[in-house]
Amino acid sequence: MSIYIIEEKCRGCRDCMKACPFEAIKMTEGKAKINYDKCTQCGVCELACKFEAILAEKE
């Protein structure tokens, strides 16, 4: 699985950042950014995003 942030949809609400159990999401210039070194591709952030700004794609 691959996790992506769709920047145009991100509202900077921090819900994904708060939900991430691995602290792999930080805010940069008001947008969520994934630290792929910490990300385990669990998909919790996608479920937490009410703006559909995070996409988890199965490979």
C-alpha atoms as a PDB file:
ATOM      1  CA  MET A   1       0.000   0.000   0.000  1.00  0.00           C
ATOM      2  CA  SER A   2       1.126   3.553  -0.659  1.00  0.00           C
ATOM      3  CA  ILE A   3      -0.156   6.599   1.210  1.00  0.00           C
ATOM      4  CA  TYR A   4      -0.321   9.988  -0.499  1.00  0.00           C
ATOM      5  CA  ILE A   5      -1.473  13.442   0.553  1.00  0.00           C
ATOM      6  CA  ILE A   6      -3.471  15.384  -2.009  1.00  0.00           C
ATOM      7  CA  GLU A   7      -2.260  18.877  -1.110  1.00  0.00           C
ATOM      8  CA  GLU A   8      -5.086  20.679  -2.898  1.00  0.00           C
ATOM      9  CA  LYS A   9      -7.597  18.979  -0.588  1.00  0.00           C
ATOM     10  CA  CYS A  10      -5.612  19.322   2.666  1.00  0.00           C
ATOM     11  CA  ARG A  11      -7.121  21.946   4.984  1.00  0.00           C
ATOM     12  CA  GLY A  12      -4.429  21.702   7.658  1.00  0.00           C
ATOM     13  CA  CYS A  13      -6.880  20.510  10.314  1.00  0.00           C
ATOM     14  CA  ARG A  14      -4.277  18.166  11.871  1.00  0.00           C
ATOM     15  CA  ASP A  15      -6.715  15.266  12.310  1.00  0.00           C
ATOM     16  CA  CYS A  16      -4.383  12.930  10.413  1.00  0.00           C
ATOM     17  CA  MET A  17      -1.404  14.069  12.452  1.00  0.00           C
ATOM     18  CA  LYS A  18      -3.265  13.444  15.722  1.00  0.00           C
ATOM     19  CA  ALA A  19      -4.474  10.022  14.543  1.00  0.00           C
ATOM     20  CA  CYS A  20      -1.110   8.706  13.357  1.00  0.00           C
ATOM     21  CA  PRO A  21       0.189   6.200  15.931  1.00  0.00           C
ATOM     22  CA  PHE A  22       3.732   6.497  14.555  1.00  0.00           C
ATOM     23  CA  GLU A  23       4.023  10.320  14.549  1.00  0.00           C
ATOM     24  CA  ALA A  24       4.786  10.128  10.837  1.00  0.00           C
ATOM     25  CA  ILE A  25       2.775  13.232   9.855  1.00  0.00           C
ATOM     26  CA  LYS A  26       3.848  16.806  10.455  1.00  0.00           C
ATOM     27  CA  MET A  27       2.465  20.108   9.232  1.00  0.00           C
ATOM     28  CA  THR A  28       4.581  22.151   6.824  1.00  0.00           C
ATOM     29  CA  GLU A  29       3.286  25.503   5.590  1.00  0.00           C
ATOM     30  CA  GLY A  30      -0.238  24.541   6.697  1.00  0.00           C
ATOM     31  CA  LYS A  31      -0.286  21.202   4.860  1.00  0.00           C
ATOM     32  CA  ALA A  32       0.213  17.654   6.083  1.00  0.00           C
ATOM     33  CA  LYS A  33       3.469  15.970   5.094  1.00  0.00           C
ATOM     34  CA  ILE A  34       4.271  12.286   5.577  1.00  0.00           C
ATOM     35  CA  ASN A  35       7.651  11.200   6.897  1.00  0.00           C
ATOM     36  CA  TYR A  36       7.988   7.938   4.977  1.00  0.00           C
ATOM     37  CA  ASP A  37      10.851   6.821   7.225  1.00  0.00           C
ATOM     38  CA  LYS A  38       8.336   6.604  10.109  1.00  0.00           C
ATOM     39  CA  CYS A  39       5.203   5.673   8.129  1.00  0.00           C
ATOM     40  CA  THR A  40       4.134   2.021   8.261  1.00  0.00           C
ATOM     41  CA  GLN A  41       1.360   2.477   5.652  1.00  0.00           C
ATOM     42  CA  CYS A  42      -1.302   1.490   8.227  1.00  0.00           C
ATOM     43  CA  GLY A  43      -3.985   3.757   6.703  1.00  0.00           C
ATOM     44  CA  VAL A  44      -5.183   5.337   9.961  1.00  0.00           C
ATOM     45  CA  CYS A  45      -4.544   8.810   8.549  1.00  0.00           C
ATOM     46  CA  GLU A  46      -6.754   8.128   5.540  1.00  0.00           C
ATOM     47  CA  LEU A  47      -9.631   7.147   7.826  1.00  0.00           C
ATOM     48  CA  ALA A  48      -9.095  10.252   9.991  1.00  0.00           C
ATOM     49  CA  CYS A  49      -9.167  12.736   7.087  1.00  0.00           C
ATOM     50  CA  LYS A  50     -12.649  14.167   6.657  1.00  0.00           C
ATOM     51  CA  PHE A  51     -11.581  16.105   3.551  1.00  0.00           C
ATOM     52  CA  GLU A  52     -10.449  13.007   1.607  1.00  0.00           C
ATOM     53  CA  ALA A  53      -7.013  14.528   1.249  1.00  0.00           C
ATOM     54  CA  ILE A  54      -5.202  11.276   1.996  1.00  0.00           C
ATOM     55  CA  LEU A  55      -5.266   8.396  -0.401  1.00  0.00           C
ATOM     56  CA  ALA A  56      -4.100   4.871   0.398  1.00  0.00           C
ATOM     57  CA  GLU A  57      -3.584   2.850  -2.754  1.00  0.00           C
ATOM     58  CA  LYS A  58      -3.022  -0.870  -2.841  1.00  0.00           C
ATOM     59  CA  GLU A  59      -0.070  -1.797  -5.001  1.00  0.00           C
END
